Amino acid sequence: MTTEPRIPTRLGDGSFTEMTRSGIRADIVAGSEAAARRAKVPPLGDDEVDHLLEIYASPARFAGVDVGEEVVLSCDGTGMKTHATRIQDLQSYEQWMGADLLELCVGDYSLKVVRTILAYEAQYMHDAQLCTIAPLQYGVMPNLGLYSKPDGPCENWSALLPLGRIAEARAAAEEAVEMAVADMVKLADSQWEAAWAGPLRDRLEPGMVLTADRGFFSYALWRKASAGSADLLWRIRTDSSGPTPVHVEDLPDGSWLADLRQRHSAAARAAEPMRVRIIDYTLDDGRENATSYRLFTTVLDPSQASATDLAAAYAQRWEIESTFDELKTHQRGPRAVLRSKSPNLVQQEIWGHLCCHYAIRALMADTAAHTGRDPDRISFVAALRITRRSLSHSSFPPS
């Protein structure tokens, strides 16, 4: 006899319960048939019932962790108007109440409202980070109802459902979700720029070079970052969504100078252009289609750093990506999840993986020093396999 697993869910009155998947389906069928008889509309088809079942039985229906594994944070309510400013609220929660996490938000808390004041909120996030120490997050909720008529452009699914127009209601809700996702991305981008303008930029010093992958560039962020004390070396997209530099001068090392200026508005076109040095190169690693790279840098003088030196420096950024691959794909294993079920044990397991990785890397460094080789030329996968074989034949724990 097979016991069907029970799924945490909530009833119509909000009370918590656990039901089997078949029980949830039967409840959906009974409820929808009763509603169809009352509304004198055709009942839901099997595909529509299955679609609702996937929603109600999905593990993603709860935004947090599994039931019983919740962690209480002390940020609820921060950023609300109990003092003169929201920053004073954040400081009160942090300094008087010992909050371990702070949340900046507006009183409405709706995404559609916040998107109209992104620049203002980004500046507020920047100012708040300079006045607080604890981690600071930005709070907002989708509130999809504001995307439907009469408040938004989408058809109102609440009006379509009683008419039995299930497909149209679903399409309207999906359209609203797409709009909300687009707004959330814009919000995240603006807050990311605000985060950069605060803690990270304040830690940069003259003589440093800040590298970044091609997903981080924006005109506004480059202007902010280049105004700092460190130099920049960023990879840039070369497709239609990438920036369009205007050629100024060719340099003897093969790089070239260009001006950057946005052209989406009169104000952007009137702004002072940003001078950058561009390095285009291709890595011939034996593949049929060699990878092309474009780098933007604020090091304008080739005598300070040649194009070859800068390209080699950018390649060093990938060492952290290689480390992530070593840890997640090879050492832990692809698609493997941590076995621990509580926050403390998860942290312990993560530290275990990091210590194991450090031990293997230390072994590789010792081997490279002994043989006079570059540590980058030693295979982590080979070292991992040798370590595993050695441990499997050893009766003693590693020292």
Protein backbone atom coordinates (compact mmCIF):
# COMPACT_ATOMS: atom_id res chain seq x y z
CA MET A 1 0.00 0.00 0.00
CA THR A 2 1.42 3.36 -1.05
CA THR A 3 0.97 6.31 1.30
CA GLU A 4 0.47 9.54 -0.60
CA PRO A 5 2.58 12.41 0.80
CA ARG A 6 0.76 15.29 2.43
CA ILE A 7 1.31 18.84 1.18
CA PRO A 8 1.19 21.94 3.44
CA THR A 9 -1.50 24.34 2.23
CA ARG A 10 -4.16 26.73 3.48
CA LEU A 11 -7.93 26.58 3.35
CA GLY A 12 -10.19 29.34 2.11
CA ASP A 13 -10.39 30.92 5.57
CA GLY A 14 -6.59 31.10 5.76
CA SER A 15 -6.18 28.27 8.26
CA PHE A 16 -3.19 25.97 7.82
CA THR A 17 -3.64 22.29 6.93
CA GLU A 18 -2.00 19.37 5.13
CA MET A 19 -3.69 17.49 2.27
CA THR A 20 -2.71 14.87 -0.26
CA ARG A 21 -2.39 15.82 -3.93
CA SER A 22 -5.48 13.78 -4.81
CA GLY A 23 -7.36 15.42 -1.95
CA ILE A 24 -6.48 18.88 -3.22
CA ARG A 25 -7.63 17.92 -6.72
CA ALA A 26 -10.92 16.57 -5.44
CA ASP A 27 -11.46 19.77 -3.47
CA ILE A 28 -10.77 21.89 -6.58
CA VAL A 29 -13.19 19.83 -8.66
CA ALA A 30 -15.97 20.00 -6.04
CA GLY A 31 -15.55 23.73 -5.49
CA SER A 32 -15.33 24.64 -9.17
CA GLU A 33 -18.37 22.49 -10.07
CA ALA A 34 -20.43 24.16 -7.34
CA ALA A 35 -19.35 27.58 -8.58
CA ALA A 36 -20.12 26.63 -12.20
CA ARG A 37 -23.65 25.49 -11.29
CA ARG A 38 -24.25 28.70 -9.39
CA ALA A 39 -22.92 30.89 -12.21
CA LYS A 40 -24.60 28.72 -14.88
CA VAL A 41 -21.35 28.35 -16.82
CA PRO A 42 -19.53 25.24 -18.07
CA PRO A 43 -17.36 23.51 -15.45
CA LEU A 44 -13.58 23.58 -15.65
CA GLY A 45 -11.90 21.13 -18.00
CA ASP A 46 -9.27 18.63 -16.92
CA ASP A 47 -6.44 20.85 -18.20
CA GLU A 48 -7.72 23.80 -16.19
CA VAL A 49 -8.13 21.68 -13.05
CA ASP A 50 -4.61 20.30 -13.49
CA HIS A 51 -3.31 23.85 -13.93
CA LEU A 52 -4.89 24.92 -10.62
CA LEU A 53 -3.60 21.76 -8.96
CA GLU A 54 -0.03 22.57 -9.99
CA ILE A 55 -0.42 26.00 -8.38
CA TYR A 56 -1.90 24.76 -5.09
CA ALA A 57 0.46 21.77 -4.81
CA SER A 58 3.62 23.57 -5.92
CA PRO A 59 6.46 23.79 -3.38
CA ALA A 60 6.96 27.38 -4.57
CA ARG A 61 3.59 28.56 -3.24
CA PHE A 62 5.30 29.50 0.03
CA ALA A 63 7.91 32.22 -0.41
CA GLY A 64 10.02 31.07 2.54
CA VAL A 65 11.59 27.81 3.68
CA ASP A 66 9.93 24.50 4.49
CA VAL A 67 7.37 24.47 7.27
CA GLY A 68 9.14 24.10 10.60
CA GLU A 69 12.42 25.54 9.34
CA GLU A 70 11.45 29.20 9.62
CA VAL A 71 13.92 31.74 11.02
CA VAL A 72 12.53 34.81 12.75
CA LEU A 73 14.24 38.06 11.75
CA SER A 74 13.87 41.32 13.61
CA CYS A 75 13.29 43.60 10.61
CA ASP A 76 9.49 43.56 10.39
CA GLY A 77 8.13 47.11 10.41
CA THR A 78 11.40 48.95 9.94
CA GLY A 79 11.37 51.97 7.72
CA MET A 80 7.85 53.03 8.70
CA LYS A 81 7.06 56.54 9.86
CA THR A 82 7.50 56.50 13.62
CA HIS A 83 10.05 59.34 13.57
CA ALA A 84 10.81 62.31 11.33
CA THR A 85 12.53 60.28 8.61
CA ARG A 86 12.81 56.66 7.52
CA ILE A 87 16.56 56.74 8.15
CA GLN A 88 15.91 57.68 11.77
CA ASP A 89 13.55 54.69 11.98
CA LEU A 90 16.28 52.39 10.67
CA GLN A 91 18.78 53.78 13.16
CA SER A 92 16.28 53.28 16.00
CA TYR A 93 15.71 49.62 15.12
CA GLU A 94 19.43 49.04 14.75
CA GLN A 95 20.76 50.91 17.79
CA TRP A 96 17.92 50.64 20.32
CA MET A 97 16.35 47.30 19.43
CA GLY A 98 19.41 45.42 18.18
CA ALA A 99 17.88 44.52 14.79
CA ASP A 100 19.95 42.03 12.80
CA LEU A 101 18.40 43.06 9.47
CA LEU A 102 16.95 46.39 8.33
CA GLU A 103 14.34 47.03 5.68
CA LEU A 104 13.78 50.23 3.75
CA CYS A 105 10.33 50.66 2.19
CA VAL A 106 7.61 53.17 1.42
CA GLY A 107 4.28 53.23 3.23
CA ASP A 108 2.29 51.88 0.26
CA TYR A 109 4.74 48.96 -0.21
CA SER A 110 3.39 48.31 -3.75
CA LEU A 111 5.79 47.69 -6.63
CA LYS A 112 3.74 49.66 -9.17
CA VAL A 113 3.87 52.74 -6.94
CA VAL A 114 7.58 52.45 -6.18
CA ARG A 115 8.54 52.25 -9.86
CA THR A 116 7.49 55.89 -10.29
CA ILE A 117 10.04 57.07 -7.70
CA LEU A 118 13.00 54.78 -8.45
CA ALA A 119 15.59 57.58 -8.54
CA TYR A 120 14.36 58.98 -5.23
CA GLU A 121 14.40 55.56 -3.54
CA ALA A 122 17.85 54.75 -4.92
CA GLN A 123 19.25 57.95 -3.41
CA TYR A 124 17.49 57.14 -0.13
CA MET A 125 19.04 53.66 -0.13
CA HIS A 126 22.45 55.19 -0.68
CA ASP A 127 21.99 57.64 2.20
CA ALA A 128 20.59 54.93 4.50
CA GLN A 129 23.61 52.68 3.92
CA LEU A 130 25.94 55.46 4.96
CA CYS A 131 24.03 55.84 8.26
CA THR A 132 23.60 52.18 9.25
CA ILE A 133 25.77 49.09 9.80
CA ALA A 134 23.38 46.10 9.74
CA PRO A 135 22.44 44.52 6.37
CA LEU A 136 19.81 46.63 4.62
CA GLN A 137 17.22 45.28 2.20
CA TYR A 138 14.54 47.04 0.18
CA GLY A 139 10.98 45.85 0.82
CA VAL A 140 8.22 45.80 -1.76
CA MET A 141 5.32 43.53 -2.77
CA PRO A 142 3.97 42.91 -6.30
CA ASN A 143 0.32 43.76 -5.52
CA LEU A 144 -0.76 42.50 -8.95
CA GLY A 145 -4.24 43.97 -8.55
CA LEU A 146 -2.82 47.42 -9.34
CA TYR A 147 -1.84 46.17 -12.81
CA SER A 148 -5.46 45.36 -13.72
CA LYS A 149 -8.24 47.73 -14.65
CA PRO A 150 -9.21 50.29 -13.42
CA ASP A 151 -5.76 50.90 -11.88
CA GLY A 152 -3.66 49.33 -14.63
CA PRO A 153 -3.67 48.35 -18.31
CA CYS A 154 -4.50 44.63 -17.95
CA GLU A 155 -8.00 43.18 -18.04
CA ASN A 156 -9.41 42.53 -14.58
CA TRP A 157 -9.30 38.77 -13.99
CA SER A 158 -11.60 39.17 -10.99
CA ALA A 159 -14.30 40.33 -13.39
CA LEU A 160 -13.56 37.64 -15.98
CA LEU A 161 -13.60 34.64 -13.63
CA PRO A 162 -17.30 34.90 -12.58
CA LEU A 163 -18.17 34.91 -16.29
CA GLY A 164 -16.36 31.61 -16.80
CA ARG A 165 -13.74 33.21 -19.06
CA ILE A 166 -10.94 31.20 -17.47
CA ALA A 167 -8.44 31.40 -20.34
CA GLU A 168 -8.82 35.17 -20.66
CA ALA A 169 -8.46 35.62 -16.90
CA ARG A 170 -5.33 33.50 -16.90
CA ALA A 171 -3.85 35.48 -19.82
CA ALA A 172 -4.59 38.79 -18.06
CA ALA A 173 -2.96 37.60 -14.84
CA GLU A 174 0.10 36.34 -16.74
CA GLU A 175 0.41 39.70 -18.51
CA ALA A 176 0.30 41.45 -15.13
CA VAL A 177 3.00 39.12 -13.81
CA GLU A 178 5.24 39.94 -16.79
CA MET A 179 4.80 43.67 -16.14
CA ALA A 180 5.54 43.20 -12.45
CA VAL A 181 8.69 41.21 -13.23
CA ALA A 182 9.89 43.97 -15.57
CA ASP A 183 9.25 46.57 -12.86
CA MET A 184 11.01 44.41 -10.27
CA VAL A 185 14.08 44.15 -12.51
CA LYS A 186 14.16 47.94 -12.91
CA LEU A 187 13.85 48.34 -9.14
CA ALA A 188 16.62 45.81 -8.50
CA ASP A 189 18.91 47.56 -11.01
CA SER A 190 18.38 50.96 -9.41
CA GLN A 191 18.93 49.60 -5.90
CA TRP A 192 22.04 47.71 -7.03
CA GLU A 193 23.47 50.96 -8.36
CA ALA A 194 22.64 52.62 -5.04
CA ALA A 195 24.39 49.79 -3.18
CA TRP A 196 27.44 50.24 -5.41
CA ALA A 197 27.48 53.99 -4.82
CA GLY A 198 27.68 53.42 -1.06
CA PRO A 199 29.69 50.61 0.57
CA LEU A 200 31.68 49.29 -2.41
CA ARG A 201 32.77 52.62 -3.87
CA ASP A 202 33.79 53.89 -0.44
CA ARG A 203 36.22 50.97 -0.08
CA LEU A 204 38.07 51.62 -3.34
CA GLU A 205 41.45 53.35 -3.21
CA PRO A 206 43.90 54.85 -5.71
CA GLY A 207 45.98 52.14 -7.35
CA MET A 208 43.09 49.62 -7.37
CA VAL A 209 41.47 48.28 -10.54
CA LEU A 210 37.83 47.22 -10.28
CA THR A 211 36.89 44.48 -12.76
CA ALA A 212 33.32 43.55 -13.69
CA ASP A 213 31.59 41.12 -16.02
CA ARG A 214 29.58 42.24 -19.04
CA GLY A 215 26.22 42.12 -17.23
CA PHE A 216 26.97 45.10 -14.98
CA PHE A 217 27.50 48.02 -17.35
CA SER A 218 25.09 50.92 -17.53
CA TYR A 219 25.84 54.51 -18.48
CA ALA A 220 24.78 55.80 -15.07
CA LEU A 221 26.79 53.18 -13.17
CA TRP A 222 29.92 53.75 -15.28
CA ARG A 223 29.68 57.50 -14.69
CA LYS A 224 29.37 56.94 -10.92
CA ALA A 225 32.12 54.35 -10.78
CA SER A 226 34.57 56.29 -12.95
CA ALA A 227 34.21 59.31 -10.65
CA GLY A 228 35.81 57.29 -7.85
CA SER A 229 39.46 56.90 -6.97
CA ALA A 230 40.02 53.44 -8.52
CA ASP A 231 40.38 52.57 -12.20
CA LEU A 232 37.82 50.41 -13.99
CA LEU A 233 38.26 47.39 -16.26
CA TRP A 234 34.90 45.99 -17.33
CA ARG A 235 33.88 43.55 -20.01
CA ILE A 236 31.19 45.01 -22.28
CA ARG A 237 28.49 43.45 -24.42
CA THR A 238 28.92 43.87 -28.16
CA ASP A 239 25.39 42.97 -29.27
CA SER A 240 22.53 45.38 -29.99
CA SER A 241 21.88 45.96 -26.27
CA GLY A 242 25.46 47.03 -25.56
CA PRO A 243 26.75 50.63 -25.51
CA THR A 244 27.73 52.40 -28.75
CA PRO A 245 31.10 54.15 -28.29
CA VAL A 246 32.11 56.94 -30.69
CA HIS A 247 35.65 56.50 -32.04
CA VAL A 248 38.14 59.22 -31.08
CA GLU A 249 41.68 57.93 -31.59
CA ASP A 250 43.62 54.75 -32.31
CA LEU A 251 46.44 53.90 -29.89
CA PRO A 252 49.77 52.21 -30.75
CA ASP A 253 49.06 49.03 -28.73
CA GLY A 254 45.89 48.22 -30.73
CA SER A 255 43.41 49.73 -28.27
CA TRP A 256 41.44 52.89 -29.05
CA LEU A 257 39.86 55.85 -27.30
CA ALA A 258 36.16 56.58 -27.56
CA ASP A 259 33.44 58.75 -26.08
CA LEU A 260 30.32 57.38 -24.38
CA ARG A 261 27.08 59.31 -24.41
CA GLN A 262 23.47 58.23 -24.14
CA ARG A 263 21.10 59.51 -26.81
CA HIS A 264 17.65 58.60 -25.46
CA SER A 265 16.80 62.16 -24.40
CA ALA A 266 17.87 65.76 -24.96
CA ALA A 267 19.37 65.91 -21.46
CA ALA A 268 21.41 62.76 -22.10
CA ARG A 269 22.70 64.10 -25.40
CA ALA A 270 23.70 67.36 -23.73
CA ALA A 271 25.62 65.62 -20.93
CA GLU A 272 29.42 65.60 -20.96
CA PRO A 273 30.67 62.48 -22.81
CA MET A 274 32.73 59.92 -20.89
CA ARG A 275 36.15 59.15 -22.36
CA VAL A 276 37.06 55.44 -22.28
CA ARG A 277 39.77 53.23 -23.69
CA ILE A 278 38.54 50.15 -25.54
CA ILE A 279 40.39 46.87 -25.92
CA ASP A 280 39.04 44.33 -28.44
CA TYR A 281 40.64 40.90 -28.58
CA THR A 282 39.95 37.25 -29.31
CA LEU A 283 41.05 34.20 -27.35
CA ASP A 284 42.13 31.37 -29.61
CA ASP A 285 41.67 28.39 -27.30
CA GLY A 286 41.31 25.79 -30.02
CA ARG A 287 37.55 26.00 -30.32
CA GLU A 288 35.89 26.30 -33.72
CA ASN A 289 34.35 29.70 -32.84
CA ALA A 290 36.84 31.74 -30.86
CA THR A 291 35.46 33.99 -28.12
CA SER A 292 35.67 37.74 -28.73
CA TYR A 293 36.05 40.19 -25.84
CA ARG A 294 35.59 43.94 -25.47
CA LEU A 295 36.89 45.75 -22.40
CA PHE A 296 36.25 49.33 -21.26
CA THR A 297 38.86 50.89 -18.99
CA THR A 298 39.60 54.26 -17.43
CA VAL A 299 43.35 53.63 -17.85
CA LEU A 300 43.64 55.84 -20.92
CA ASP A 301 47.43 55.88 -21.29
CA PRO A 302 48.93 52.69 -22.85
CA SER A 303 52.27 53.46 -21.16
CA GLN A 304 50.58 52.82 -17.78
CA ALA A 305 49.17 49.44 -18.85
CA SER A 306 49.25 47.89 -22.30
CA ALA A 307 46.25 46.26 -23.92
CA THR A 308 47.90 42.85 -23.43
CA ASP A 309 48.48 43.49 -19.72
CA LEU A 310 44.88 44.63 -19.19
CA ALA A 311 43.46 41.63 -21.06
CA ALA A 312 45.59 39.34 -18.89
CA ALA A 313 44.44 41.19 -15.77
CA TYR A 314 40.77 40.76 -16.71
CA ALA A 315 41.35 37.03 -17.14
CA GLN A 316 42.28 36.88 -13.45
CA ARG A 317 38.68 37.84 -12.60
CA TRP A 318 37.61 34.44 -13.88
CA GLU A 319 39.56 32.66 -11.15
CA ILE A 320 36.66 33.24 -8.74
CA GLU A 321 34.31 31.71 -11.33
CA SER A 322 36.62 28.70 -11.57
CA THR A 323 36.54 28.38 -7.78
CA PHE A 324 32.73 28.36 -7.78
CA ASP A 325 32.84 25.63 -10.45
CA GLU A 326 35.30 23.58 -8.40
CA LEU A 327 33.15 23.81 -5.28
CA LYS A 328 29.67 23.40 -6.76
CA THR A 329 30.20 21.15 -9.78
CA HIS A 330 33.16 18.92 -8.96
CA GLN A 331 33.61 18.79 -5.18
CA ARG A 332 29.95 18.91 -4.10
CA GLY A 333 28.61 17.36 -7.31
CA PRO A 334 26.24 18.71 -10.01
CA ARG A 335 22.61 19.23 -8.96
CA ALA A 336 23.45 18.06 -5.43
CA VAL A 337 21.82 19.84 -2.49
CA LEU A 338 23.04 20.25 1.06
CA ARG A 339 21.82 17.47 3.35
CA SER A 340 21.39 19.58 6.47
CA LYS A 341 17.87 20.66 7.49
CA SER A 342 18.53 23.47 9.98
CA PRO A 343 20.31 26.82 9.56
CA ASN A 344 23.14 25.96 11.98
CA LEU A 345 23.86 22.63 10.29
CA VAL A 346 23.68 24.21 6.82
CA GLN A 347 26.30 26.73 7.91
CA GLN A 348 28.41 23.93 9.34
CA GLU A 349 28.16 21.95 6.09
CA ILE A 350 29.13 24.98 4.01
CA TRP A 351 32.20 25.52 6.19
CA GLY A 352 33.06 21.87 5.74
CA HIS A 353 33.00 22.24 1.95
CA LEU A 354 35.12 25.40 2.15
CA CYS A 355 37.70 23.76 4.44
CA CYS A 356 37.89 20.74 2.14
CA HIS A 357 38.41 22.99 -0.89
CA TYR A 358 41.10 24.96 0.95
CA ALA A 359 42.93 21.75 1.89
CA ILE A 360 42.98 20.53 -1.73
CA ARG A 361 44.09 23.95 -2.99
CA ALA A 362 46.86 24.04 -0.34
CA LEU A 363 48.03 20.61 -1.53
CA MET A 364 48.08 21.91 -5.13
CA ALA A 365 50.09 25.00 -4.08
CA ASP A 366 52.64 22.85 -2.21
CA THR A 367 52.98 20.57 -5.24
CA ALA A 368 53.45 23.53 -7.58
CA ALA A 369 56.12 25.05 -5.32
CA HIS A 370 57.95 21.72 -5.08
CA THR A 371 57.98 21.15 -8.85
CA GLY A 372 58.47 24.78 -9.89
CA ARG A 373 55.16 24.95 -11.76
CA ASP A 374 52.44 27.61 -11.95
CA PRO A 375 49.59 26.56 -9.59
CA ASP A 376 47.09 27.58 -12.28
CA ARG A 377 48.46 24.80 -14.50
CA ILE A 378 47.53 22.06 -12.01
CA SER A 379 44.13 20.42 -12.45
CA PHE A 380 41.75 20.73 -9.48
CA VAL A 381 39.73 17.75 -10.74
CA ALA A 382 42.84 15.57 -10.82
CA ALA A 383 43.86 16.73 -7.32
CA LEU A 384 40.33 16.03 -6.05
CA ARG A 385 40.39 12.49 -7.46
CA ILE A 386 43.83 11.79 -5.99
CA THR A 387 42.69 13.07 -2.59
CA ARG A 388 39.55 10.92 -2.64
CA ARG A 389 41.54 7.81 -3.60
CA SER A 390 44.10 8.52 -0.87
CA LEU A 391 41.42 8.94 1.80
CA SER A 392 39.56 5.81 0.71
CA HIS A 393 42.70 3.74 1.41
CA SER A 394 43.60 5.47 4.66
CA SER A 395 42.51 4.47 8.15
CA PHE A 396 43.50 7.82 9.65
CA PRO A 397 41.76 11.20 9.31
CA PRO A 398 43.62 13.87 7.31
CA SER A 399 45.93 16.03 9.39
